[in-house]
């Protein structure tokens, strides 16, 4: 698993067209503080992105969060509640993909 670097915008802004990385076949991790968003961009191939749940949701079920992203789309996922999705030992979330060919990702932290 590769660690996705989290970028924090400033009031002057950041270049959101930069810092995209290829999704990793075994999956990725990302530091999560409850204000972090995962951006996923697909080209030609749809992809299901799954965020591993560490704890039950508010309804008492421990289920992962899965989002289907159509081909040629860009999605922003999150923010992710720390108590539900973070690995308690690392403070990261686990991300897997149904496809990685031409799938790129980036992570941004809301600066509020």
PDB file of N, CA and C in Angstrom:
ATOM      1  N   UNK A   1       0.841  -1.182   0.000  1.00  0.00           N
ATOM      2  CA  UNK A   1       0.000   0.000   0.000  1.00  0.00           C
ATOM      3  C   UNK A   1       0.885   1.244   0.000  1.00  0.00           C
ATOM      4  N   UNK A   2       0.477   2.195  -0.796  1.00  0.00           N
ATOM      5  CA  UNK A   2       1.198   3.461  -0.854  1.00  0.00           C
ATOM      6  C   UNK A   2       0.467   4.495  -0.003  1.00  0.00           C
ATOM      7  N   UNK A   3       1.244   5.400   0.591  1.00  0.00           N
ATOM      8  CA  UNK A   3       0.662   6.479   1.384  1.00  0.00           C
ATOM      9  C   UNK A   3       0.435   7.686   0.473  1.00  0.00           C
ATOM     10  N   UNK A   4      -0.788   8.180   0.445  1.00  0.00           N
ATOM     11  CA  UNK A   4      -1.119   9.364  -0.345  1.00  0.00           C
ATOM     12  C   UNK A   4      -0.823  10.589   0.511  1.00  0.00           C
ATOM     13  N   UNK A   5       0.000  11.504  -0.003  1.00  0.00           N
ATOM     14  CA  UNK A   5       0.325  12.725   0.731  1.00  0.00           C
ATOM     15  C   UNK A   5      -0.892  13.640   0.754  1.00  0.00           C
ATOM     16  N   UNK A   6      -1.185  14.181   1.909  1.00  0.00           N
ATOM     17  CA  UNK A   6      -2.342  15.074   2.077  1.00  0.00           C
ATOM     18  C   UNK A   6      -1.868  16.514   1.935  1.00  0.00           C
ATOM     19  N   UNK A   7      -2.522  17.263   1.075  1.00  0.00           N
ATOM     20  CA  UNK A   7      -2.206  18.677   0.856  1.00  0.00           C
ATOM     21  C   UNK A   7      -3.198  19.536   1.634  1.00  0.00           C
ATOM     22  N   UNK A   8      -2.732  20.654   2.166  1.00  0.00           N
ATOM     23  CA  UNK A   8      -3.596  21.585   2.890  1.00  0.00           C
ATOM     24  C   UNK A   8      -3.628  22.908   2.153  1.00  0.00           C
ATOM     25  N   UNK A   9      -4.782  23.297   1.644  1.00  0.00           N
ATOM     26  CA  UNK A   9      -4.883  24.589   0.961  1.00  0.00           C
ATOM     27  C   UNK A   9      -4.655  25.753   1.924  1.00  0.00           C
ATOM     28  N   UNK A  10      -4.204  26.845   1.373  1.00  0.00           N
ATOM     29  CA  UNK A  10      -4.064  28.079   2.142  1.00  0.00           C
ATOM     30  C   UNK A  10      -5.066  29.081   1.584  1.00  0.00           C
ATOM     31  N   UNK A  11      -5.143  30.258   2.195  1.00  0.00           N
ATOM     32  CA  UNK A  11      -6.056  31.264   1.676  1.00  0.00           C
ATOM     33  C   UNK A  11      -5.644  31.705   0.276  1.00  0.00           C
ATOM     34  N   UNK A  12      -4.374  31.537  -0.061  1.00  0.00           N
ATOM     35  CA  UNK A  12      -3.896  31.875  -1.403  1.00  0.00           C
ATOM     36  C   UNK A  12      -4.230  30.780  -2.411  1.00  0.00           C
ATOM     37  N   UNK A  13      -4.609  29.601  -1.910  1.00  0.00           N
ATOM     38  CA  UNK A  13      -5.002  28.502  -2.783  1.00  0.00           C
ATOM     39  C   UNK A  13      -3.863  27.539  -3.089  1.00  0.00           C
ATOM     40  N   UNK A  14      -4.231  26.414  -3.706  1.00  0.00           N
ATOM     41  CA  UNK A  14      -3.252  25.434  -4.181  1.00  0.00           C
ATOM     42  C   UNK A  14      -3.671  24.988  -5.573  1.00  0.00           C
ATOM     43  N   UNK A  15      -2.724  24.466  -6.306  1.00  0.00           N
ATOM     44  CA  UNK A  15      -2.974  23.971  -7.655  1.00  0.00           C
ATOM     45  C   UNK A  15      -3.594  22.578  -7.549  1.00  0.00           C
ATOM     46  N   UNK A  16      -4.893  22.465  -7.785  1.00  0.00           N
ATOM     47  CA  UNK A  16      -5.566  21.171  -7.648  1.00  0.00           C
ATOM     48  C   UNK A  16      -5.371  20.283  -8.877  1.00  0.00           C
ATOM     49  N   UNK A  17      -4.685  20.784  -9.891  1.00  0.00           N
ATOM     50  CA  UNK A  17      -4.371  19.937 -11.040  1.00  0.00           C
ATOM     51  C   UNK A  17      -3.051  19.210 -10.830  1.00  0.00           C
ATOM     52  N   UNK A  18      -2.317  19.566  -9.776  1.00  0.00           N
ATOM     53  CA  UNK A  18      -1.029  18.942  -9.485  1.00  0.00           C
ATOM     54  C   UNK A  18      -1.191  17.875  -8.406  1.00  0.00           C
ATOM     55  N   UNK A  19      -0.143  17.129  -8.190  1.00  0.00           N
ATOM     56  CA  UNK A  19      -0.041  16.159  -7.088  1.00  0.00           C
ATOM     57  C   UNK A  19      -0.950  14.943  -7.209  1.00  0.00           C
ATOM     58  N   UNK A  20      -1.459  14.653  -8.385  1.00  0.00           N
ATOM     59  CA  UNK A  20      -2.220  13.421  -8.593  1.00  0.00           C
ATOM     60  C   UNK A  20      -1.221  12.270  -8.692  1.00  0.00           C
ATOM     61  N   UNK A  21      -1.557  11.136  -8.090  1.00  0.00           N
ATOM     62  CA  UNK A  21      -0.706   9.943  -8.155  1.00  0.00           C
ATOM     63  C   UNK A  21      -1.546   8.764  -8.625  1.00  0.00           C
ATOM     64  N   UNK A  22      -0.899   7.790  -9.180  1.00  0.00           N
ATOM     65  CA  UNK A  22      -1.599   6.590  -9.645  1.00  0.00           C
ATOM     66  C   UNK A  22      -2.110   5.791  -8.445  1.00  0.00           C
ATOM     67  N   UNK A  23      -3.336   5.296  -8.550  1.00  0.00           N
ATOM     68  CA  UNK A  23      -3.890   4.417  -7.519  1.00  0.00           C
ATOM     69  C   UNK A  23      -3.079   3.128  -7.498  1.00  0.00           C
ATOM     70  N   UNK A  24      -2.819   2.602  -6.316  1.00  0.00           N
ATOM     71  CA  UNK A  24      -2.026   1.375  -6.175  1.00  0.00           C
ATOM     72  C   UNK A  24      -2.917   0.145  -6.205  1.00  0.00           C
ATOM     73  N   UNK A  25      -2.456  -0.880  -6.904  1.00  0.00           N
ATOM     74  CA  UNK A  25      -3.237  -2.116  -7.021  1.00  0.00           C
ATOM     75  C   UNK A  25      -3.565  -2.748  -5.668  1.00  0.00           C
ATOM     76  N   UNK A  26      -2.621  -2.821  -4.713  1.00  0.00           N
ATOM     77  CA  UNK A  26      -3.012  -3.397  -3.426  1.00  0.00           C
ATOM     78  C   UNK A  26      -3.821  -2.443  -2.566  1.00  0.00           C
ATOM     79  N   UNK A  27      -3.878  -1.176  -2.963  1.00  0.00           N
ATOM     80  CA  UNK A  27      -4.612  -0.165  -2.206  1.00  0.00           C
ATOM     81  C   UNK A  27      -3.682   0.913  -1.698  1.00  0.00           C
ATOM     82  N   UNK A  28      -4.251   1.910  -1.055  1.00  0.00           N
ATOM     83  CA  UNK A  28      -3.495   3.037  -0.532  1.00  0.00           C
ATOM     84  C   UNK A  28      -3.943   3.337   0.888  1.00  0.00           C
ATOM     85  N   UNK A  29      -3.165   4.186   1.550  1.00  0.00           N
ATOM     86  CA  UNK A  29      -3.545   4.711   2.855  1.00  0.00           C
ATOM     87  C   UNK A  29      -3.473   6.227   2.787  1.00  0.00           C
ATOM     88  N   UNK A  30      -4.129   6.868   3.740  1.00  0.00           N
ATOM     89  CA  UNK A  30      -4.140   8.320   3.785  1.00  0.00           C
ATOM     90  C   UNK A  30      -4.350   8.743   5.237  1.00  0.00           C
ATOM     91  N   UNK A  31      -3.530   9.684   5.712  1.00  0.00           N
ATOM     92  CA  UNK A  31      -3.730  10.227   7.048  1.00  0.00           C
ATOM     93  C   UNK A  31      -5.080  10.937   7.060  1.00  0.00           C
ATOM     94  N   UNK A  32      -5.835  10.714   8.125  1.00  0.00           N
ATOM     95  CA  UNK A  32      -7.183  11.285   8.203  1.00  0.00           C
ATOM     96  C   UNK A  32      -7.392  11.949   9.561  1.00  0.00           C
ATOM     97  N   UNK A  33      -7.796  13.219   9.530  1.00  0.00           N
ATOM     98  CA  UNK A  33      -8.100  13.930  10.760  1.00  0.00           C
ATOM     99  C   UNK A  33      -9.575  14.315  10.843  1.00  0.00           C
ATOM    100  N   UNK A  34     -10.391  13.735   9.988  1.00  0.00           N
ATOM    101  CA  UNK A  34     -11.813  14.050   9.970  1.00  0.00           C
ATOM    102  C   UNK A  34     -12.149  15.234   9.079  1.00  0.00           C
ATOM    103  N   UNK A  35     -11.127  15.859   8.495  1.00  0.00           N
ATOM    104  CA  UNK A  35     -11.316  16.985   7.578  1.00  0.00           C
ATOM    105  C   UNK A  35     -10.656  16.708   6.233  1.00  0.00           C
ATOM    106  N   UNK A  36     -10.371  15.446   5.972  1.00  0.00           N
ATOM    107  CA  UNK A  36      -9.615  15.066   4.785  1.00  0.00           C
ATOM    108  C   UNK A  36     -10.530  14.490   3.710  1.00  0.00           C
ATOM    109  N   UNK A  37     -10.282  14.900   2.480  1.00  0.00           N
ATOM    110  CA  UNK A  37     -11.045  14.439   1.328  1.00  0.00           C
ATOM    111  C   UNK A  37     -10.134  13.656   0.392  1.00  0.00           C
ATOM    112  N   UNK A  38     -10.676  12.597  -0.186  1.00  0.00           N
ATOM    113  CA  UNK A  38      -9.978  11.829  -1.202  1.00  0.00           C
ATOM    114  C   UNK A  38     -10.593  12.174  -2.546  1.00  0.00           C
ATOM    115  N   UNK A  39      -9.771  12.587  -3.478  1.00  0.00           N
ATOM    116  CA  UNK A  39     -10.226  12.884  -4.839  1.00  0.00           C
ATOM    117  C   UNK A  39      -9.798  11.732  -5.732  1.00  0.00           C
ATOM    118  N   UNK A  40     -10.716  11.257  -6.556  1.00  0.00           N
ATOM    119  CA  UNK A  40     -10.448  10.134  -7.454  1.00  0.00           C
ATOM    120  C   UNK A  40     -10.854  10.540  -8.860  1.00  0.00           C
ATOM    121  N   UNK A  41      -9.959  10.289  -9.814  1.00  0.00           N
ATOM    122  CA  UNK A  41     -10.232  10.623 -11.215  1.00  0.00           C
ATOM    123  C   UNK A  41     -10.068   9.357 -12.052  1.00  0.00           C
ATOM    124  N   UNK A  42     -11.089   9.056 -12.862  1.00  0.00           N
ATOM    125  CA  UNK A  42     -11.032   7.882 -13.732  1.00  0.00           C
ATOM    126  C   UNK A  42     -10.935   8.319 -15.195  1.00  0.00           C
ATOM    127  N   UNK A  43     -10.330   7.454 -15.990  1.00  0.00           N
ATOM    128  CA  UNK A  43     -10.249   7.683 -17.428  1.00  0.00           C
ATOM    129  C   UNK A  43     -10.604   6.368 -18.106  1.00  0.00           C
ATOM    130  N   UNK A  44     -11.674   6.364 -18.851  1.00  0.00           N
ATOM    131  CA  UNK A  44     -12.096   5.229 -19.686  1.00  0.00           C
ATOM    132  C   UNK A  44     -12.644   4.022 -18.922  1.00  0.00           C
ATOM    133  N   UNK A  45     -12.287   3.849 -17.660  1.00  0.00           N
ATOM    134  CA  UNK A  45     -12.716   2.677 -16.912  1.00  0.00           C
ATOM    135  C   UNK A  45     -13.404   3.099 -15.620  1.00  0.00           C
ATOM    136  N   UNK A  46     -14.588   2.559 -15.325  1.00  0.00           N
ATOM    137  CA  UNK A  46     -15.200   2.847 -14.032  1.00  0.00           C
ATOM    138  C   UNK A  46     -14.414   2.178 -12.905  1.00  0.00           C
ATOM    139  N   UNK A  47     -14.620   2.632 -11.701  1.00  0.00           N
ATOM    140  CA  UNK A  47     -13.876   2.105 -10.556  1.00  0.00           C
ATOM    141  C   UNK A  47     -14.740   2.205  -9.303  1.00  0.00           C
ATOM    142  N   UNK A  48     -14.709   1.167  -8.490  1.00  0.00           N
ATOM    143  CA  UNK A  48     -15.339   1.218  -7.181  1.00  0.00           C
ATOM    144  C   UNK A  48     -14.248   1.477  -6.151  1.00  0.00           C
ATOM    145  N   UNK A  49     -14.397   2.551  -5.395  1.00  0.00           N
ATOM    146  CA  UNK A  49     -13.440   2.908  -4.355  1.00  0.00           C
ATOM    147  C   UNK A  49     -14.052   2.497  -3.020  1.00  0.00           C
ATOM    148  N   UNK A  50     -13.284   1.757  -2.223  1.00  0.00           N
ATOM    149  CA  UNK A  50     -13.779   1.265  -0.945  1.00  0.00           C
ATOM    150  C   UNK A  50     -12.886   1.778   0.179  1.00  0.00           C
ATOM    151  N   UNK A  51     -13.528   2.394   1.174  1.00  0.00           N
ATOM    152  CA  UNK A  51     -12.846   2.862   2.374  1.00  0.00           C
ATOM    153  C   UNK A  51     -13.173   1.862   3.482  1.00  0.00           C
ATOM    154  N   UNK A  52     -12.130   1.293   4.071  1.00  0.00           N
ATOM    155  CA  UNK A  52     -12.310   0.266   5.084  1.00  0.00           C
ATOM    156  C   UNK A  52     -12.842   0.854   6.388  1.00  0.00           C
ATOM    157  N   UNK A  53     -13.957   0.329   6.850  1.00  0.00           N
ATOM    158  CA  UNK A  53     -14.539   0.743   8.130  1.00  0.00           C
ATOM    159  C   UNK A  53     -13.847  -0.017   9.254  1.00  0.00           C
ATOM    160  N   UNK A  54     -13.462   0.711  10.289  1.00  0.00           N
ATOM    161  CA  UNK A  54     -12.808   0.090  11.455  1.00  0.00           C
ATOM    162  C   UNK A  54     -13.798  -0.157  12.593  1.00  0.00           C
ATOM    163  N   UNK A  55     -14.892   0.607  12.590  1.00  0.00           N
ATOM    164  CA  UNK A  55     -15.877   0.535  13.665  1.00  0.00           C
ATOM    165  C   UNK A  55     -17.278   0.565  13.064  1.00  0.00           C
ATOM    166  N   UNK A  56     -18.279   0.140  13.819  1.00  0.00           N
ATOM    167  CA  UNK A  56     -19.658   0.217  13.323  1.00  0.00           C
ATOM    168  C   UNK A  56     -20.101   1.653  13.063  1.00  0.00           C
ATOM    169  N   UNK A  57     -21.000   1.809  12.110  1.00  0.00           N
ATOM    170  CA  UNK A  57     -21.593   3.117  11.826  1.00  0.00           C
ATOM    171  C   UNK A  57     -22.578   3.471  12.935  1.00  0.00           C
ATOM    172  N   UNK A  58     -23.268   4.593  12.802  1.00  0.00           N
ATOM    173  CA  UNK A  58     -24.218   5.039  13.833  1.00  0.00           C
ATOM    174  C   UNK A  58     -25.415   4.100  13.983  1.00  0.00           C
ATOM    175  N   UNK A  59     -25.602   3.211  13.009  1.00  0.00           N
ATOM    176  CA  UNK A  59     -26.698   2.244  13.080  1.00  0.00           C
ATOM    177  C   UNK A  59     -26.238   0.892  13.634  1.00  0.00           C
ATOM    178  N   UNK A  60     -24.944   0.801  14.007  1.00  0.00           N
ATOM    179  CA  UNK A  60     -24.425  -0.410  14.625  1.00  0.00           C
ATOM    180  C   UNK A  60     -23.856  -1.444  13.680  1.00  0.00           C
ATOM    181  N   UNK A  61     -23.717  -1.116  12.390  1.00  0.00           N
ATOM    182  CA  UNK A  61     -23.183  -2.072  11.425  1.00  0.00           C
ATOM    183  C   UNK A  61     -21.762  -1.691  11.023  1.00  0.00           C
ATOM    184  N   UNK A  62     -20.885  -2.679  10.959  1.00  0.00           N
ATOM    185  CA  UNK A  62     -19.509  -2.442  10.507  1.00  0.00           C
ATOM    186  C   UNK A  62     -19.451  -2.758   9.018  1.00  0.00           C
ATOM    187  N   UNK A  63     -19.671  -1.732   8.212  1.00  0.00           N
ATOM    188  CA  UNK A  63     -19.631  -1.927   6.767  1.00  0.00           C
ATOM    189  C   UNK A  63     -18.731  -0.871   6.143  1.00  0.00           C
ATOM    190  N   UNK A  64     -18.032  -1.288   5.112  1.00  0.00           N
ATOM    191  CA  UNK A  64     -17.149  -0.384   4.400  1.00  0.00           C
ATOM    192  C   UNK A  64     -17.965   0.623   3.600  1.00  0.00           C
ATOM    193  N   UNK A  65     -17.335   1.723   3.255  1.00  0.00           N
ATOM    194  CA  UNK A  65     -17.952   2.732   2.398  1.00  0.00           C
ATOM    195  C   UNK A  65     -17.464   2.484   0.975  1.00  0.00           C
ATOM    196  N   UNK A  66     -18.368   2.159   0.066  1.00  0.00           N
ATOM    197  CA  UNK A  66     -18.003   1.915  -1.330  1.00  0.00           C
ATOM    198  C   UNK A  66     -18.723   2.905  -2.231  1.00  0.00           C
ATOM    199  N   UNK A  67     -17.967   3.492  -3.154  1.00  0.00           N
ATOM    200  CA  UNK A  67     -18.508   4.461  -4.095  1.00  0.00           C
ATOM    201  C   UNK A  67     -18.108   4.049  -5.505  1.00  0.00           C
ATOM    202  N   UNK A  68     -19.099   3.941  -6.381  1.00  0.00           N
ATOM    203  CA  UNK A  68     -18.825   3.619  -7.787  1.00  0.00           C
ATOM    204  C   UNK A  68     -18.608   4.924  -8.535  1.00  0.00           C
ATOM    205  N   UNK A  69     -17.478   5.005  -9.209  1.00  0.00           N
ATOM    206  CA  UNK A  69     -17.144   6.187  -9.987  1.00  0.00           C
ATOM    207  C   UNK A  69     -17.148   5.785 -11.458  1.00  0.00           C
ATOM    208  N   UNK A  70     -18.006   6.422 -12.230  1.00  0.00           N
ATOM    209  CA  UNK A  70     -18.124   6.111 -13.657  1.00  0.00           C
ATOM    210  C   UNK A  70     -16.846   6.507 -14.392  1.00  0.00           C
ATOM    211  N   UNK A  71     -16.699   5.996 -15.594  1.00  0.00           N
ATOM    212  CA  UNK A  71     -15.545   6.341 -16.431  1.00  0.00           C
ATOM    213  C   UNK A  71     -15.544   7.829 -16.746  1.00  0.00           C
ATOM    214  N   UNK A  72     -14.368   8.394 -16.817  1.00  0.00           N
ATOM    215  CA  UNK A  72     -14.169   9.804 -17.179  1.00  0.00           C
ATOM    216  C   UNK A  72     -14.830  10.768 -16.194  1.00  0.00           C
ATOM    217  N   UNK A  73     -14.783  10.434 -14.917  1.00  0.00           N
ATOM    218  CA  UNK A  73     -15.361  11.287 -13.875  1.00  0.00           C
ATOM    219  C   UNK A  73     -14.309  11.610 -12.821  1.00  0.00           C
ATOM    220  N   UNK A  74     -14.586  12.657 -12.052  1.00  0.00           N
ATOM    221  CA  UNK A  74     -13.743  13.032 -10.926  1.00  0.00           C
ATOM    222  C   UNK A  74     -14.644  13.219  -9.716  1.00  0.00           C
ATOM    223  N   UNK A  75     -14.328  12.523  -8.629  1.00  0.00           N
ATOM    224  CA  UNK A  75     -15.136  12.568  -7.416  1.00  0.00           C
ATOM    225  C   UNK A  75     -14.289  13.050  -6.243  1.00  0.00           C
ATOM    226  N   UNK A  76     -14.937  13.705  -5.295  1.00  0.00           N
ATOM    227  CA  UNK A  76     -14.335  14.030  -4.006  1.00  0.00           C
ATOM    228  C   UNK A  76     -15.105  13.228  -2.964  1.00  0.00           C
ATOM    229  N   UNK A  77     -14.417  12.401  -2.209  1.00  0.00           N
ATOM    230  CA  UNK A  77     -15.023  11.568  -1.174  1.00  0.00           C
ATOM    231  C   UNK A  77     -14.570  12.067   0.196  1.00  0.00           C
ATOM    232  N   UNK A  78     -15.479  12.070   1.157  1.00  0.00           N
ATOM    233  CA  UNK A  78     -15.126  12.483   2.497  1.00  0.00           C
ATOM    234  C   UNK A  78     -15.909  13.712   2.901  1.00  0.00           C
ATOM    235  N   UNK A  79     -15.619  14.261   4.048  1.00  0.00           N
ATOM    236  CA  UNK A  79     -14.600  13.812   4.998  1.00  0.00           C
ATOM    237  C   UNK A  79     -15.026  12.521   5.695  1.00  0.00           C
ATOM    238  N   UNK A  80     -14.055  11.846   6.288  1.00  0.00           N
ATOM    239  CA  UNK A  80     -14.279  10.541   6.883  1.00  0.00           C
ATOM    240  C   UNK A  80     -14.212  10.644   8.403  1.00  0.00           C
ATOM    241  N   UNK A  81     -15.278  10.251   9.111  1.00  0.00           N
ATOM    242  CA  UNK A  81     -15.248  10.299  10.572  1.00  0.00           C
ATOM    243  C   UNK A  81     -14.101   9.452  11.133  1.00  0.00           C
ATOM    244  N   UNK A  82     -13.283  10.066  11.955  1.00  0.00           N
ATOM    245  CA  UNK A  82     -12.089   9.421  12.506  1.00  0.00           C
ATOM    246  C   UNK A  82     -12.438   8.157  13.277  1.00  0.00           C
ATOM    247  N   UNK A  83     -13.464   8.230  14.131  1.00  0.00           N
ATOM    248  CA  UNK A  83     -13.788   7.081  14.984  1.00  0.00           C
ATOM    249  C   UNK A  83     -14.291   5.873  14.204  1.00  0.00           C
ATOM    250  N   UNK A  84     -14.800   6.084  13.023  1.00  0.00           N
ATOM    251  CA  UNK A  84     -15.315   4.970  12.232  1.00  0.00           C
ATOM    252  C   UNK A  84     -14.286   4.404  11.246  1.00  0.00           C
ATOM    253  N   UNK A  85     -13.479   5.268  10.626  1.00  0.00           N
ATOM    254  CA  UNK A  85     -12.622   4.815   9.532  1.00  0.00           C
ATOM    255  C   UNK A  85     -11.130   4.733   9.847  1.00  0.00           C
ATOM    256  N   UNK A  86     -10.650   5.432  10.869  1.00  0.00           N
ATOM    257  CA  UNK A  86      -9.212   5.433  11.135  1.00  0.00           C
ATOM    258  C   UNK A  86      -8.735   4.150  11.779  1.00  0.00           C
ATOM    259  N   UNK A  87      -7.567   3.697  11.325  1.00  0.00           N
ATOM    260  CA  UNK A  87      -6.853   2.635  12.019  1.00  0.00           C
ATOM    261  C   UNK A  87      -6.314   3.283  13.297  1.00  0.00           C
ATOM    262  N   UNK A  88      -6.687   2.783  14.480  1.00  0.00           N
ATOM    263  CA  UNK A  88      -6.286   3.448  15.712  1.00  0.00           C
ATOM    264  C   UNK A  88      -4.770   3.502  15.914  1.00  0.00           C
ATOM    265  N   UNK A  89      -4.042   2.572  15.356  1.00  0.00           N
ATOM    266  CA  UNK A  89      -2.594   2.533  15.545  1.00  0.00           C
ATOM    267  C   UNK A  89      -1.854   3.530  14.658  1.00  0.00           C
ATOM    268  N   UNK A  90      -2.424   3.850  13.483  1.00  0.00           N
ATOM    269  CA  UNK A  90      -1.691   4.685  12.524  1.00  0.00           C
ATOM    270  C   UNK A  90      -2.367   6.017  12.210  1.00  0.00           C
ATOM    271  N   UNK A  91      -3.648   6.153  12.523  1.00  0.00           N
ATOM    272  CA  UNK A  91      -4.370   7.379  12.191  1.00  0.00           C
ATOM    273  C   UNK A  91      -4.639   7.516  10.702  1.00  0.00           C
ATOM    274  N   UNK A  92      -4.603   6.390   9.998  1.00  0.00           N
ATOM    275  CA  UNK A  92      -4.836   6.400   8.557  1.00  0.00           C
ATOM    276  C   UNK A  92      -6.084   5.610   8.201  1.00  0.00           C
ATOM    277  N   UNK A  93      -6.598   5.875   6.995  1.00  0.00           N
ATOM    278  CA  UNK A  93      -7.688   5.061   6.464  1.00  0.00           C
ATOM    279  C   UNK A  93      -7.127   4.183   5.353  1.00  0.00           C
ATOM    280  N   UNK A  94      -7.740   3.026   5.158  1.00  0.00           N
ATOM    281  CA  UNK A  94      -7.354   2.103   4.103  1.00  0.00           C
ATOM    282  C   UNK A  94      -8.284   2.247   2.916  1.00  0.00           C
ATOM    283  N   UNK A  95      -7.697   2.325   1.721  1.00  0.00           N
ATOM    284  CA  UNK A  95      -8.449   2.557   0.489  1.00  0.00           C
ATOM    285  C   UNK A  95      -8.106   1.451  -0.501  1.00  0.00           C
ATOM    286  N   UNK A  96      -9.132   0.840  -1.104  1.00  0.00           N
ATOM    287  CA  UNK A  96      -8.891  -0.125  -2.179  1.00  0.00           C
ATOM    288  C   UNK A  96      -9.710   0.282  -3.398  1.00  0.00           C
ATOM    289  N   UNK A  97      -9.306  -0.264  -4.547  1.00  0.00           N
ATOM    290  CA  UNK A  97      -9.914   0.096  -5.824  1.00  0.00           C
ATOM    291  C   UNK A  97     -10.234  -1.177  -6.604  1.00  0.00           C
ATOM    292  N   UNK A  98     -11.354  -1.169  -7.323  1.00  0.00           N
ATOM    293  CA  UNK A  98     -11.703  -2.318  -8.166  1.00  0.00           C
ATOM    294  C   UNK A  98     -10.882  -2.324  -9.449  1.00  0.00           C
ATOM    295  N   UNK A  99     -10.341  -1.165  -9.818  1.00  0.00           N
ATOM    296  CA  UNK A  99      -9.492  -1.035 -10.998  1.00  0.00           C
ATOM    297  C   UNK A  99      -8.492   0.075 -10.719  1.00  0.00           C
ATOM    298  N   UNK A 100      -7.295  -0.054 -11.271  1.00  0.00           N
ATOM    299  CA  UNK A 100      -6.302   1.002 -11.068  1.00  0.00           C
ATOM    300  C   UNK A 100      -5.759   1.557 -12.375  1.00  0.00           C
ATOM    301  N   UNK A 101      -6.104   0.916 -13.490  1.00  0.00           N
ATOM    302  CA  UNK A 101      -5.641   1.402 -14.782  1.00  0.00           C
ATOM    303  C   UNK A 101      -6.263   2.765 -15.059  1.00  0.00           C
ATOM    304  N   UNK A 102      -5.421   3.763 -15.234  1.00  0.00           N
ATOM    305  CA  UNK A 102      -5.850   5.135 -15.520  1.00  0.00           C
ATOM    306  C   UNK A 102      -6.725   5.721 -14.411  1.00  0.00           C
ATOM    307  N   UNK A 103      -6.483   5.297 -13.163  1.00  0.00           N
ATOM    308  CA  UNK A 103      -7.154   5.869 -12.007  1.00  0.00           C
ATOM    309  C   UNK A 103      -6.110   6.631 -11.208  1.00  0.00           C
ATOM    310  N   UNK A 104      -6.355   7.919 -10.951  1.00  0.00           N
ATOM    311  CA  UNK A 104      -5.436   8.720 -10.168  1.00  0.00           C
ATOM    312  C   UNK A 104      -6.149   9.289  -8.949  1.00  0.00           C
ATOM    313  N   UNK A 105      -5.367   9.585  -7.916  1.00  0.00           N
ATOM    314  CA  UNK A 105      -5.923  10.047  -6.650  1.00  0.00           C
ATOM    315  C   UNK A 105      -5.093  11.196  -6.094  1.00  0.00           C
ATOM    316  N   UNK A 106      -5.713  11.970  -5.241  1.00  0.00           N
ATOM    317  CA  UNK A 106      -5.020  12.994  -4.456  1.00  0.00           C
ATOM    318  C   UNK A 106      -5.831  13.210  -3.184  1.00  0.00           C
ATOM    319  N   UNK A 107      -5.212  13.806  -2.182  1.00  0.00           N
ATOM    320  CA  UNK A 107      -5.893  14.039  -0.906  1.00  0.00           C
ATOM    321  C   UNK A 107      -5.687  15.482  -0.487  1.00  0.00           C
ATOM    322  N   UNK A 108      -6.761  16.094  -0.007  1.00  0.00           N
ATOM    323  CA  UNK A 108      -6.726  17.466   0.476  1.00  0.00           C
ATOM    324  C   UNK A 108      -7.391  17.526   1.842  1.00  0.00           C
ATOM    325  N   UNK A 109      -6.838  18.373   2.682  1.00  0.00           N
ATOM    326  CA  UNK A 109      -7.396  18.595   4.019  1.00  0.00           C
ATOM    327  C   UNK A 109      -8.106  19.943   4.016  1.00  0.00           C
ATOM    328  N   UNK A 110      -9.342  19.950   4.487  1.00  0.00           N
ATOM    329  CA  UNK A 110     -10.073  21.210   4.619  1.00  0.00           C
ATOM    330  C   UNK A 110      -9.391  22.057   5.679  1.00  0.00           C
ATOM    331  N   UNK A 111      -9.115  23.277   5.364  1.00  0.00           N
ATOM    332  CA  UNK A 111      -8.385  24.164   6.259  1.00  0.00           C
ATOM    333  C   UNK A 111      -9.352  25.073   7.007  1.00  0.00           C
ATOM    334  N   UNK A 112     -10.264  24.448   7.757  1.00  0.00           N
ATOM    335  CA  UNK A 112     -11.242  25.220   8.526  1.00  0.00           C
ATOM    336  C   UNK A 112     -11.304  24.728   9.950  1.00  0.00           C
TER     337      UNK A 112
END
